[in-house]
Amino acid sequence: MHDLASGLSIIPDELWHLLHLAIWCCAVRNLLSDYTWVNRWLRRVCLALMLWLGSTVLLVVIILNVHSQMGWTL
């Protein structure tokens, strides 16, 4: 768990802001579920943000984990 926490601390603030934006998009989408065109648009934005952020964070954590196992420093 320590490796994961140290890996997450190096993720830029911009990615965390985008993650918060994606969470807010999902929350607003749930509130506006009666309006189908808004719901459809927000669902696509939310899904795209979550997929992009999830893959980016996972890639950063994997790279940092490999670096630490190989004894390399950034």
Protein backbone atom coordinates (compact mmCIF):
# COMPACT_ATOMS: atom_id res chain seq x y z
CA MET A 1 0.00 0.00 0.00
CA HIS A 2 2.92 2.32 0.66
CA ASP A 3 4.04 1.96 -2.97
CA LEU A 4 0.57 2.87 -4.20
CA ALA A 5 0.38 5.94 -1.94
CA SER A 6 3.80 7.15 -3.03
CA GLY A 7 2.87 6.53 -6.66
CA LEU A 8 -0.37 8.50 -6.36
CA SER A 9 1.37 11.47 -4.74
CA ILE A 10 3.34 12.17 -7.92
CA ILE A 11 0.21 12.49 -10.10
CA PRO A 12 -0.15 16.11 -11.24
CA ASP A 13 -2.85 18.31 -9.73
CA GLU A 14 -4.40 18.75 -13.17
CA LEU A 15 -5.34 15.07 -13.28
CA TRP A 16 -6.99 15.30 -9.87
CA HIS A 17 -8.96 18.36 -11.06
CA LEU A 18 -10.13 16.44 -14.11
CA LEU A 19 -11.14 13.53 -11.89
CA HIS A 20 -13.23 15.89 -9.75
CA LEU A 21 -14.78 17.30 -12.95
CA ALA A 22 -15.71 13.79 -14.08
CA ILE A 23 -17.30 13.04 -10.71
CA TRP A 24 -19.30 16.28 -10.89
CA CYS A 25 -20.40 15.42 -14.44
CA CYS A 26 -21.71 12.08 -13.19
CA ALA A 27 -23.51 13.76 -10.29
CA VAL A 28 -25.13 16.40 -12.54
CA ARG A 29 -26.09 13.70 -15.02
CA ASN A 30 -27.91 11.83 -12.27
CA LEU A 31 -29.73 15.00 -11.22
CA LEU A 32 -30.79 15.82 -14.78
CA SER A 33 -31.80 12.31 -15.80
CA ASP A 34 -35.22 13.52 -17.04
CA TYR A 35 -33.64 15.58 -19.82
CA THR A 36 -32.53 12.95 -22.32
CA TRP A 37 -30.26 15.08 -24.53
CA VAL A 38 -28.38 16.47 -21.50
CA ASN A 39 -28.16 12.99 -20.01
CA ARG A 40 -26.78 11.52 -23.24
CA TRP A 41 -24.17 14.28 -23.64
CA LEU A 42 -23.06 14.16 -20.00
CA ARG A 43 -22.86 10.37 -20.04
CA ARG A 44 -20.44 10.52 -22.97
CA VAL A 45 -18.33 13.25 -21.36
CA CYS A 46 -18.29 11.42 -18.03
CA LEU A 47 -17.34 8.11 -19.61
CA ALA A 48 -14.58 9.67 -21.70
CA LEU A 49 -13.11 11.53 -18.72
CA MET A 50 -13.24 8.50 -16.43
CA LEU A 51 -11.64 6.19 -19.03
CA TRP A 52 -8.91 8.67 -19.88
CA LEU A 53 -8.16 9.49 -16.25
CA GLY A 54 -8.28 5.89 -15.10
CA SER A 55 -5.88 4.73 -17.80
CA THR A 56 -3.52 7.67 -17.18
CA VAL A 57 -3.42 7.13 -13.42
CA LEU A 58 -2.95 3.38 -13.88
CA LEU A 59 -0.11 3.97 -16.35
CA VAL A 60 1.65 6.40 -13.97
CA VAL A 61 1.34 3.97 -11.05
CA ILE A 62 2.67 1.06 -13.18
CA ILE A 63 5.62 3.12 -14.45
CA LEU A 64 6.49 4.26 -10.92
CA ASN A 65 6.19 0.73 -9.61
CA VAL A 66 8.53 -0.61 -12.32
CA HIS A 67 10.99 2.21 -11.63
CA SER A 68 11.03 1.47 -7.91
CA GLN A 69 11.46 -2.29 -8.46
CA MET A 70 14.36 -1.73 -10.85
CA GLY A 71 16.01 0.68 -8.43
CA TRP A 72 15.81 3.60 -10.82
CA THR A 73 15.04 7.13 -9.68
CA LEU A 74 13.04 9.74 -11.52
